[in-house]
Amino acid sequence: MGVFRGLMSAKKIFQGRSMAASTPKGFLAVYVGESQMKRYIVPVSYLNQPSFRALLSQSEQEFGFDHPMGGLTIPCPEDTFITVTSQLH
């Protein structure tokens, strides 16, 4: 649950800033959503987590990596993203 709180804290910190806002060292920006993308800041360590990689792989298979946001885009429901990331340690 601590990682989830960290994710939500990071979201609050960066919410309202422009899409070009800087990302702290050790974190990466991820754009999540189906029609309207929201920017989340997640720890780079998530890339080592099997469930997060599965989410990325599924997104790649369904949508590819060519997205107009220019960043790492996960076009899935926001609640799915939050469910997956809340379970990461």
PDB file of N, CA and C in Angstrom:
ATOM      1  N   MET A   1       0.820  -1.184   0.000  1.00  0.00           N
ATOM      2  CA  MET A   1       0.000   0.000   0.000  1.00  0.00           C
ATOM      3  C   MET A   1       0.870   1.255   0.000  1.00  0.00           C
ATOM      4  N   GLY A   2       2.110   1.167   0.489  1.00  0.00           N
ATOM      5  CA  GLY A   2       2.994   2.322   0.533  1.00  0.00           C
ATOM      6  C   GLY A   2       3.342   2.833  -0.854  1.00  0.00           C
ATOM      7  N   VAL A   3       3.536   1.913  -1.809  1.00  0.00           N
ATOM      8  CA  VAL A   3       3.841   2.308  -3.175  1.00  0.00           C
ATOM      9  C   VAL A   3       2.647   3.038  -3.777  1.00  0.00           C
ATOM     10  N   PHE A   4       1.447   2.542  -3.483  1.00  0.00           N
ATOM     11  CA  PHE A   4       0.237   3.185  -3.984  1.00  0.00           C
ATOM     12  C   PHE A   4       0.148   4.609  -3.472  1.00  0.00           C
ATOM     13  N   ARG A   5       0.424   4.799  -2.183  1.00  0.00           N
ATOM     14  CA  ARG A   5       0.403   6.149  -1.620  1.00  0.00           C
ATOM     15  C   ARG A   5       1.449   7.017  -2.287  1.00  0.00           C
ATOM     16  N   GLY A   6       2.625   6.437  -2.566  1.00  0.00           N
ATOM     17  CA  GLY A   6       3.674   7.182  -3.246  1.00  0.00           C
ATOM     18  C   GLY A   6       3.255   7.594  -4.640  1.00  0.00           C
ATOM     19  N   LEU A   7       2.562   6.690  -5.334  1.00  0.00           N
ATOM     20  CA  LEU A   7       2.064   6.990  -6.665  1.00  0.00           C
ATOM     21  C   LEU A   7       1.045   8.113  -6.600  1.00  0.00           C
ATOM     22  N   MET A   8       0.131   8.033  -5.653  1.00  0.00           N
ATOM     23  CA  MET A   8      -0.886   9.060  -5.529  1.00  0.00           C
ATOM     24  C   MET A   8      -0.269  10.393  -5.109  1.00  0.00           C
ATOM     25  N   SER A   9       0.740  10.350  -4.244  1.00  0.00           N
ATOM     26  CA  SER A   9       1.416  11.589  -3.847  1.00  0.00           C
ATOM     27  C   SER A   9       2.099  12.227  -5.041  1.00  0.00           C
ATOM     28  N   ALA A  10       2.761  11.400  -5.837  1.00  0.00           N
ATOM     29  CA  ALA A  10       3.429  11.922  -7.027  1.00  0.00           C
ATOM     30  C   ALA A  10       2.404  12.495  -7.987  1.00  0.00           C
ATOM     31  N   LYS A  11       1.253  11.841  -8.095  1.00  0.00           N
ATOM     32  CA  LYS A  11       0.209  12.342  -8.979  1.00  0.00           C
ATOM     33  C   LYS A  11      -0.254  13.719  -8.508  1.00  0.00           C
ATOM     34  N   LYS A  12      -0.442  13.881  -7.202  1.00  0.00           N
ATOM     35  CA  LYS A  12      -0.882  15.165  -6.670  1.00  0.00           C
ATOM     36  C   LYS A  12       0.160  16.248  -6.890  1.00  0.00           C
ATOM     37  N   ILE A  13       1.430  15.878  -6.740  1.00  0.00           N
ATOM     38  CA  ILE A  13       2.507  16.850  -6.917  1.00  0.00           C
ATOM     39  C   ILE A  13       2.515  17.371  -8.345  1.00  0.00           C
ATOM     40  N   PHE A  14       2.341  16.467  -9.318  1.00  0.00           N
ATOM     41  CA  PHE A  14       2.466  16.848 -10.713  1.00  0.00           C
ATOM     42  C   PHE A  14       1.139  17.178 -11.379  1.00  0.00           C
ATOM     43  N   GLN A  15       0.041  16.955 -10.695  1.00  0.00           N
ATOM     44  CA  GLN A  15      -1.255  17.277 -11.268  1.00  0.00           C
ATOM     45  C   GLN A  15      -1.354  18.790 -11.446  1.00  0.00           C
ATOM     46  N   GLY A  16      -1.833  19.201 -12.572  1.00  0.00           N
ATOM     47  CA  GLY A  16      -1.975  20.628 -12.821  1.00  0.00           C
ATOM     48  C   GLY A  16      -0.755  21.244 -13.497  1.00  0.00           C
ATOM     49  N   ARG A  17       0.351  20.540 -13.535  1.00  0.00           N
ATOM     50  CA  ARG A  17       1.519  21.052 -14.248  1.00  0.00           C
ATOM     51  C   ARG A  17       1.400  20.696 -15.712  1.00  0.00           C
ATOM     52  N   SER A  18       2.179  21.340 -16.526  1.00  0.00           N
ATOM     53  CA  SER A  18       2.141  21.054 -17.958  1.00  0.00           C
ATOM     54  C   SER A  18       2.705  19.665 -18.223  1.00  0.00           C
ATOM     55  N   MET A  19       2.389  19.141 -19.398  1.00  0.00           N
ATOM     56  CA  MET A  19       2.875  17.819 -19.780  1.00  0.00           C
ATOM     57  C   MET A  19       4.402  17.794 -19.869  1.00  0.00           C
ATOM     58  N   ALA A  20       5.001  18.946 -20.044  1.00  0.00           N
ATOM     59  CA  ALA A  20       6.452  19.015 -20.175  1.00  0.00           C
ATOM     60  C   ALA A  20       7.143  19.130 -18.812  1.00  0.00           C
ATOM     61  N   ALA A  21       6.389  18.996 -17.737  1.00  0.00           N
ATOM     62  CA  ALA A  21       6.982  19.105 -16.398  1.00  0.00           C
ATOM     63  C   ALA A  21       8.093  18.073 -16.240  1.00  0.00           C
ATOM     64  N   SER A  22       9.108  18.432 -15.498  1.00  0.00           N
ATOM     65  CA  SER A  22      10.226  17.520 -15.310  1.00  0.00           C
ATOM     66  C   SER A  22       9.824  16.340 -14.441  1.00  0.00           C
ATOM     67  N   THR A  23      10.530  15.260 -14.625  1.00  0.00           N
ATOM     68  CA  THR A  23      10.292  14.042 -13.865  1.00  0.00           C
ATOM     69  C   THR A  23      11.480  13.845 -12.929  1.00  0.00           C
ATOM     70  N   PRO A  24      11.240  13.592 -11.650  1.00  0.00           N
ATOM     71  CA  PRO A  24      12.349  13.407 -10.711  1.00  0.00           C
ATOM     72  C   PRO A  24      13.222  12.214 -11.088  1.00  0.00           C
ATOM     73  N   LYS A  25      14.469  12.283 -10.711  1.00  0.00           N
ATOM     74  CA  LYS A  25      15.409  11.199 -10.963  1.00  0.00           C
ATOM     75  C   LYS A  25      14.888   9.925 -10.293  1.00  0.00           C
ATOM     76  N   GLY A  26      14.954   8.811 -11.006  1.00  0.00           N
ATOM     77  CA  GLY A  26      14.498   7.534 -10.477  1.00  0.00           C
ATOM     78  C   GLY A  26      13.023   7.263 -10.752  1.00  0.00           C
ATOM     79  N   PHE A  27      12.369   8.157 -11.468  1.00  0.00           N
ATOM     80  CA  PHE A  27      10.960   8.005 -11.810  1.00  0.00           C
ATOM     81  C   PHE A  27      10.792   8.177 -13.315  1.00  0.00           C
ATOM     82  N   LEU A  28       9.643   7.753 -13.831  1.00  0.00           N
ATOM     83  CA  LEU A  28       9.335   7.984 -15.223  1.00  0.00           C
ATOM     84  C   LEU A  28       7.883   8.396 -15.359  1.00  0.00           C
ATOM     85  N   ALA A  29       7.617   9.152 -16.397  1.00  0.00           N
ATOM     86  CA  ALA A  29       6.248   9.596 -16.664  1.00  0.00           C
ATOM     87  C   ALA A  29       5.555   8.552 -17.521  1.00  0.00           C
ATOM     88  N   VAL A  30       4.334   8.226 -17.150  1.00  0.00           N
ATOM     89  CA  VAL A  30       3.521   7.277 -17.878  1.00  0.00           C
ATOM     90  C   VAL A  30       2.178   7.952 -18.139  1.00  0.00           C
ATOM     91  N   TYR A  31       1.717   7.871 -19.373  1.00  0.00           N
ATOM     92  CA  TYR A  31       0.419   8.434 -19.728  1.00  0.00           C
ATOM     93  C   TYR A  31      -0.588   7.290 -19.784  1.00  0.00           C
ATOM     94  N   VAL A  32      -1.648   7.418 -18.995  1.00  0.00           N
ATOM     95  CA  VAL A  32      -2.611   6.331 -18.822  1.00  0.00           C
ATOM     96  C   VAL A  32      -4.011   6.814 -19.172  1.00  0.00           C
ATOM     97  N   GLY A  33      -4.750   5.974 -19.855  1.00  0.00           N
ATOM     98  CA  GLY A  33      -6.145   6.281 -20.150  1.00  0.00           C
ATOM     99  C   GLY A  33      -6.551   5.773 -21.511  1.00  0.00           C
ATOM    100  N   GLU A  34      -7.844   5.800 -21.741  1.00  0.00           N
ATOM    101  CA  GLU A  34      -8.360   5.336 -23.028  1.00  0.00           C
ATOM    102  C   GLU A  34      -8.668   6.503 -23.961  1.00  0.00           C
ATOM    103  N   SER A  35      -9.415   7.465 -23.504  1.00  0.00           N
ATOM    104  CA  SER A  35      -9.715   8.613 -24.358  1.00  0.00           C
ATOM    105  C   SER A  35      -8.977   9.862 -23.886  1.00  0.00           C
ATOM    106  N   GLN A  36      -8.945  10.080 -22.596  1.00  0.00           N
ATOM    107  CA  GLN A  36      -8.227  11.223 -22.033  1.00  0.00           C
ATOM    108  C   GLN A  36      -7.065  10.691 -21.205  1.00  0.00           C
ATOM    109  N   MET A  37      -5.855  11.043 -21.609  1.00  0.00           N
ATOM    110  CA  MET A  37      -4.661  10.547 -20.929  1.00  0.00           C
ATOM    111  C   MET A  37      -4.351  11.373 -19.690  1.00  0.00           C
ATOM    112  N   LYS A  38      -3.979  10.667 -18.617  1.00  0.00           N
ATOM    113  CA  LYS A  38      -3.499  11.324 -17.400  1.00  0.00           C
ATOM    114  C   LYS A  38      -2.038  10.945 -17.217  1.00  0.00           C
ATOM    115  N   ARG A  39      -1.284  11.875 -16.730  1.00  0.00           N
ATOM    116  CA  ARG A  39       0.148  11.659 -16.509  1.00  0.00           C
ATOM    117  C   ARG A  39       0.373  11.182 -15.086  1.00  0.00           C
ATOM    118  N   TYR A  40       1.048  10.058 -14.964  1.00  0.00           N
ATOM    119  CA  TYR A  40       1.439   9.525 -13.658  1.00  0.00           C
ATOM    120  C   TYR A  40       2.951   9.475 -13.599  1.00  0.00           C
ATOM    121  N   ILE A  41       3.479   9.655 -12.425  1.00  0.00           N
ATOM    122  CA  ILE A  41       4.910   9.531 -12.179  1.00  0.00           C
ATOM    123  C   ILE A  41       5.094   8.251 -11.370  1.00  0.00           C
ATOM    124  N   VAL A  42       5.849   7.305 -11.935  1.00  0.00           N
ATOM    125  CA  VAL A  42       6.046   6.024 -11.261  1.00  0.00           C
ATOM    126  C   VAL A  42       7.536   5.745 -11.092  1.00  0.00           C
ATOM    127  N   PRO A  43       7.903   4.984 -10.074  1.00  0.00           N
ATOM    128  CA  PRO A  43       9.313   4.630  -9.891  1.00  0.00           C
ATOM    129  C   PRO A  43       9.817   3.778 -11.056  1.00  0.00           C
ATOM    130  N   VAL A  44      11.041   3.997 -11.463  1.00  0.00           N
ATOM    131  CA  VAL A  44      11.658   3.208 -12.526  1.00  0.00           C
ATOM    132  C   VAL A  44      11.671   1.730 -12.141  1.00  0.00           C
ATOM    133  N   SER A  45      11.723   1.431 -10.865  1.00  0.00           N
ATOM    134  CA  SER A  45      11.754   0.032 -10.395  1.00  0.00           C
ATOM    135  C   SER A  45      10.525  -0.753 -10.841  1.00  0.00           C
ATOM    136  N   TYR A  46       9.428  -0.065 -11.188  1.00  0.00           N
ATOM    137  CA  TYR A  46       8.237  -0.760 -11.691  1.00  0.00           C
ATOM    138  C   TYR A  46       8.551  -1.545 -12.955  1.00  0.00           C
ATOM    139  N   LEU A  47       9.544  -1.105 -13.726  1.00  0.00           N
ATOM    140  CA  LEU A  47       9.902  -1.794 -14.965  1.00  0.00           C
ATOM    141  C   LEU A  47      10.428  -3.198 -14.708  1.00  0.00           C
ATOM    142  N   ASN A  48      10.852  -3.481 -13.482  1.00  0.00           N
ATOM    143  CA  ASN A  48      11.317  -4.812 -13.117  1.00  0.00           C
ATOM    144  C   ASN A  48      10.203  -5.710 -12.592  1.00  0.00           C
ATOM    145  N   GLN A  49       9.029  -5.175 -12.401  1.00  0.00           N
ATOM    146  CA  GLN A  49       7.914  -5.931 -11.831  1.00  0.00           C
ATOM    147  C   GLN A  49       7.149  -6.673 -12.936  1.00  0.00           C
ATOM    148  N   PRO A  50       6.959  -7.982 -12.784  1.00  0.00           N
ATOM    149  CA  PRO A  50       6.268  -8.772 -13.807  1.00  0.00           C
ATOM    150  C   PRO A  50       4.867  -8.253 -14.148  1.00  0.00           C
ATOM    151  N   SER A  51       4.103  -7.825 -13.167  1.00  0.00           N
ATOM    152  CA  SER A  51       2.738  -7.367 -13.456  1.00  0.00           C
ATOM    153  C   SER A  51       2.749  -6.059 -14.256  1.00  0.00           C
ATOM    154  N   PHE A  52       3.702  -5.173 -13.971  1.00  0.00           N
ATOM    155  CA  PHE A  52       3.802  -3.919 -14.717  1.00  0.00           C
ATOM    156  C   PHE A  52       4.279  -4.202 -16.139  1.00  0.00           C
ATOM    157  N   ARG A  53       5.246  -5.101 -16.278  1.00  0.00           N
ATOM    158  CA  ARG A  53       5.723  -5.469 -17.616  1.00  0.00           C
ATOM    159  C   ARG A  53       4.622  -6.134 -18.422  1.00  0.00           C
ATOM    160  N   ALA A  54       3.779  -6.929 -17.765  1.00  0.00           N
ATOM    161  CA  ALA A  54       2.654  -7.562 -18.460  1.00  0.00           C
ATOM    162  C   ALA A  54       1.685  -6.501 -18.977  1.00  0.00           C
ATOM    163  N   LEU A  55       1.446  -5.488 -18.172  1.00  0.00           N
ATOM    164  CA  LEU A  55       0.575  -4.387 -18.589  1.00  0.00           C
ATOM    165  C   LEU A  55       1.171  -3.661 -19.798  1.00  0.00           C
ATOM    166  N   LEU A  56       2.474  -3.415 -19.778  1.00  0.00           N
ATOM    167  CA  LEU A  56       3.145  -2.779 -20.913  1.00  0.00           C
ATOM    168  C   LEU A  56       3.095  -3.663 -22.157  1.00  0.00           C
ATOM    169  N   SER A  57       3.320  -4.951 -21.967  1.00  0.00           N
ATOM    170  CA  SER A  57       3.303  -5.888 -23.090  1.00  0.00           C
ATOM    171  C   SER A  57       1.919  -5.961 -23.726  1.00  0.00           C
ATOM    172  N   GLN A  58       0.902  -6.015 -22.897  1.00  0.00           N
ATOM    173  CA  GLN A  58      -0.465  -6.056 -23.410  1.00  0.00           C
ATOM    174  C   GLN A  58      -0.783  -4.775 -24.182  1.00  0.00           C
ATOM    175  N   SER A  59      -0.341  -3.645 -23.662  1.00  0.00           N
ATOM    176  CA  SER A  59      -0.553  -2.367 -24.352  1.00  0.00           C
ATOM    177  C   SER A  59       0.164  -2.352 -25.698  1.00  0.00           C
ATOM    178  N   GLU A  60       1.391  -2.881 -25.723  1.00  0.00           N
ATOM    179  CA  GLU A  60       2.153  -2.928 -26.970  1.00  0.00           C
ATOM    180  C   GLU A  60       1.441  -3.802 -27.999  1.00  0.00           C
ATOM    181  N   GLN A  61       0.966  -4.967 -27.576  1.00  0.00           N
ATOM    182  CA  GLN A  61       0.300  -5.891 -28.499  1.00  0.00           C
ATOM    183  C   GLN A  61      -0.975  -5.289 -29.077  1.00  0.00           C
ATOM    184  N   GLU A  62      -1.723  -4.599 -28.242  1.00  0.00           N
ATOM    185  CA  GLU A  62      -2.994  -4.044 -28.689  1.00  0.00           C
ATOM    186  C   GLU A  62      -2.854  -2.726 -29.440  1.00  0.00           C
ATOM    187  N   PHE A  63      -1.895  -1.881 -29.017  1.00  0.00           N
ATOM    188  CA  PHE A  63      -1.839  -0.523 -29.537  1.00  0.00           C
ATOM    189  C   PHE A  63      -0.499  -0.115 -30.115  1.00  0.00           C
ATOM    190  N   GLY A  64       0.541  -0.898 -29.943  1.00  0.00           N
ATOM    191  CA  GLY A  64       1.863  -0.523 -30.416  1.00  0.00           C
ATOM    192  C   GLY A  64       2.462   0.575 -29.548  1.00  0.00           C
ATOM    193  N   PHE A  65       3.587   1.136 -29.991  1.00  0.00           N
ATOM    194  CA  PHE A  65       4.258   2.163 -29.201  1.00  0.00           C
ATOM    195  C   PHE A  65       4.182   3.545 -29.832  1.00  0.00           C
ATOM    196  N   ASP A  66       3.552   3.686 -30.974  1.00  0.00           N
ATOM    197  CA  ASP A  66       3.489   4.969 -31.664  1.00  0.00           C
ATOM    198  C   ASP A  66       2.270   5.749 -31.187  1.00  0.00           C
ATOM    199  N   HIS A  67       2.483   6.626 -30.211  1.00  0.00           N
ATOM    200  CA  HIS A  67       1.393   7.407 -29.649  1.00  0.00           C
ATOM    201  C   HIS A  67       1.734   8.889 -29.687  1.00  0.00           C
ATOM    202  N   PRO A  68       0.735   9.741 -29.855  1.00  0.00           N
ATOM    203  CA  PRO A  68       0.983  11.182 -29.977  1.00  0.00           C
ATOM    204  C   PRO A  68       1.530  11.843 -28.708  1.00  0.00           C
ATOM    205  N   MET A  69       1.398  11.197 -27.548  1.00  0.00           N
ATOM    206  CA  MET A  69       1.875  11.805 -26.305  1.00  0.00           C
ATOM    207  C   MET A  69       3.398  11.885 -26.288  1.00  0.00           C
ATOM    208  N   GLY A  70       4.059  10.997 -27.038  1.00  0.00           N
ATOM    209  CA  GLY A  70       5.507  11.030 -27.107  1.00  0.00           C
ATOM    210  C   GLY A  70       6.188  10.330 -25.951  1.00  0.00           C
ATOM    211  N   GLY A  71       5.459   9.940 -24.932  1.00  0.00           N
ATOM    212  CA  GLY A  71       6.029   9.247 -23.786  1.00  0.00           C
ATOM    213  C   GLY A  71       5.538   7.818 -23.723  1.00  0.00           C
ATOM    214  N   LEU A  72       5.815   7.177 -22.631  1.00  0.00           N
ATOM    215  CA  LEU A  72       5.340   5.825 -22.402  1.00  0.00           C
ATOM    216  C   LEU A  72       3.839   5.899 -22.180  1.00  0.00           C
ATOM    217  N   THR A  73       3.075   5.287 -23.083  1.00  0.00           N
ATOM    218  CA  THR A  73       1.622   5.383 -23.046  1.00  0.00           C
ATOM    219  C   THR A  73       1.017   4.020 -22.778  1.00  0.00           C
ATOM    220  N   ILE A  74       0.120   3.965 -21.813  1.00  0.00           N
ATOM    221  CA  ILE A  74      -0.596   2.742 -21.503  1.00  0.00           C
ATOM    222  C   ILE A  74      -2.080   3.045 -21.682  1.00  0.00           C
ATOM    223  N   PRO A  75      -2.626   2.688 -22.851  1.00  0.00           N
ATOM    224  CA  PRO A  75      -4.022   3.017 -23.138  1.00  0.00           C
ATOM    225  C   PRO A  75      -4.992   2.008 -22.524  1.00  0.00           C
ATOM    226  N   CYS A  76      -5.004   1.957 -21.215  1.00  0.00           N
ATOM    227  CA  CYS A  76      -5.908   1.062 -20.496  1.00  0.00           C
ATOM    228  C   CYS A  76      -6.749   1.913 -19.545  1.00  0.00           C
ATOM    229  N   PRO A  77      -7.818   1.344 -19.009  1.00  0.00           N
ATOM    230  CA  PRO A  77      -8.596   2.107 -18.029  1.00  0.00           C
ATOM    231  C   PRO A  77      -7.718   2.523 -16.846  1.00  0.00           C
ATOM    232  N   GLU A  78      -7.924   3.718 -16.373  1.00  0.00           N
ATOM    233  CA  GLU A  78      -7.124   4.246 -15.265  1.00  0.00           C
ATOM    234  C   GLU A  78      -7.225   3.356 -14.026  1.00  0.00           C
ATOM    235  N   ASP A  79      -8.410   2.816 -13.753  1.00  0.00           N
ATOM    236  CA  ASP A  79      -8.574   1.962 -12.570  1.00  0.00           C
ATOM    237  C   ASP A  79      -7.768   0.677 -12.693  1.00  0.00           C
ATOM    238  N   THR A  80      -7.583   0.159 -13.915  1.00  0.00           N
ATOM    239  CA  THR A  80      -6.746  -1.027 -14.114  1.00  0.00           C
ATOM    240  C   THR A  80      -5.303  -0.701 -13.770  1.00  0.00           C
ATOM    241  N   PHE A  81      -4.826   0.438 -14.238  1.00  0.00           N
ATOM    242  CA  PHE A  81      -3.458   0.869 -13.949  1.00  0.00           C
ATOM    243  C   PHE A  81      -3.252   1.022 -12.446  1.00  0.00           C
ATOM    244  N   ILE A  82      -4.190   1.644 -11.779  1.00  0.00           N
ATOM    245  CA  ILE A  82      -4.080   1.853 -10.331  1.00  0.00           C
ATOM    246  C   ILE A  82      -4.114   0.518  -9.590  1.00  0.00           C
ATOM    247  N   THR A  83      -4.947  -0.412 -10.041  1.00  0.00           N
ATOM    248  CA  THR A  83      -5.009  -1.737  -9.413  1.00  0.00           C
ATOM    249  C   THR A  83      -3.669  -2.444  -9.531  1.00  0.00           C
ATOM    250  N   VAL A  84      -3.086  -2.434 -10.724  1.00  0.00           N
ATOM    251  CA  VAL A  84      -1.794  -3.103 -10.945  1.00  0.00           C
ATOM    252  C   VAL A  84      -0.699  -2.449 -10.115  1.00  0.00           C
ATOM    253  N   THR A  85      -0.589  -1.130 -10.171  1.00  0.00           N
ATOM    254  CA  THR A  85       0.493  -0.452  -9.462  1.00  0.00           C
ATOM    255  C   THR A  85       0.319  -0.472  -7.950  1.00  0.00           C
ATOM    256  N   SER A  86      -0.912  -0.571  -7.468  1.00  0.00           N
ATOM    257  CA  SER A  86      -1.115  -0.612  -6.016  1.00  0.00           C
ATOM    258  C   SER A  86      -0.635  -1.928  -5.423  1.00  0.00           C
ATOM    259  N   GLN A  87      -0.471  -2.953  -6.262  1.00  0.00           N
ATOM    260  CA  GLN A  87      -0.026  -4.256  -5.790  1.00  0.00           C
ATOM    261  C   GLN A  87       1.488  -4.434  -5.861  1.00  0.00           C
ATOM    262  N   LEU A  88       2.184  -3.446  -6.411  1.00  0.00           N
ATOM    263  CA  LEU A  88       3.643  -3.547  -6.544  1.00  0.00           C
ATOM    264  C   LEU A  88       4.340  -3.185  -5.237  1.00  0.00           C
ATOM    265  N   HIS A  89       5.451  -3.835  -5.008  1.00  0.00           N
ATOM    266  CA  HIS A  89       6.226  -3.582  -3.779  1.00  0.00           C
ATOM    267  C   HIS A  89       7.555  -2.972  -4.121  1.00  0.00           C
TER     268      HIS A  89
END
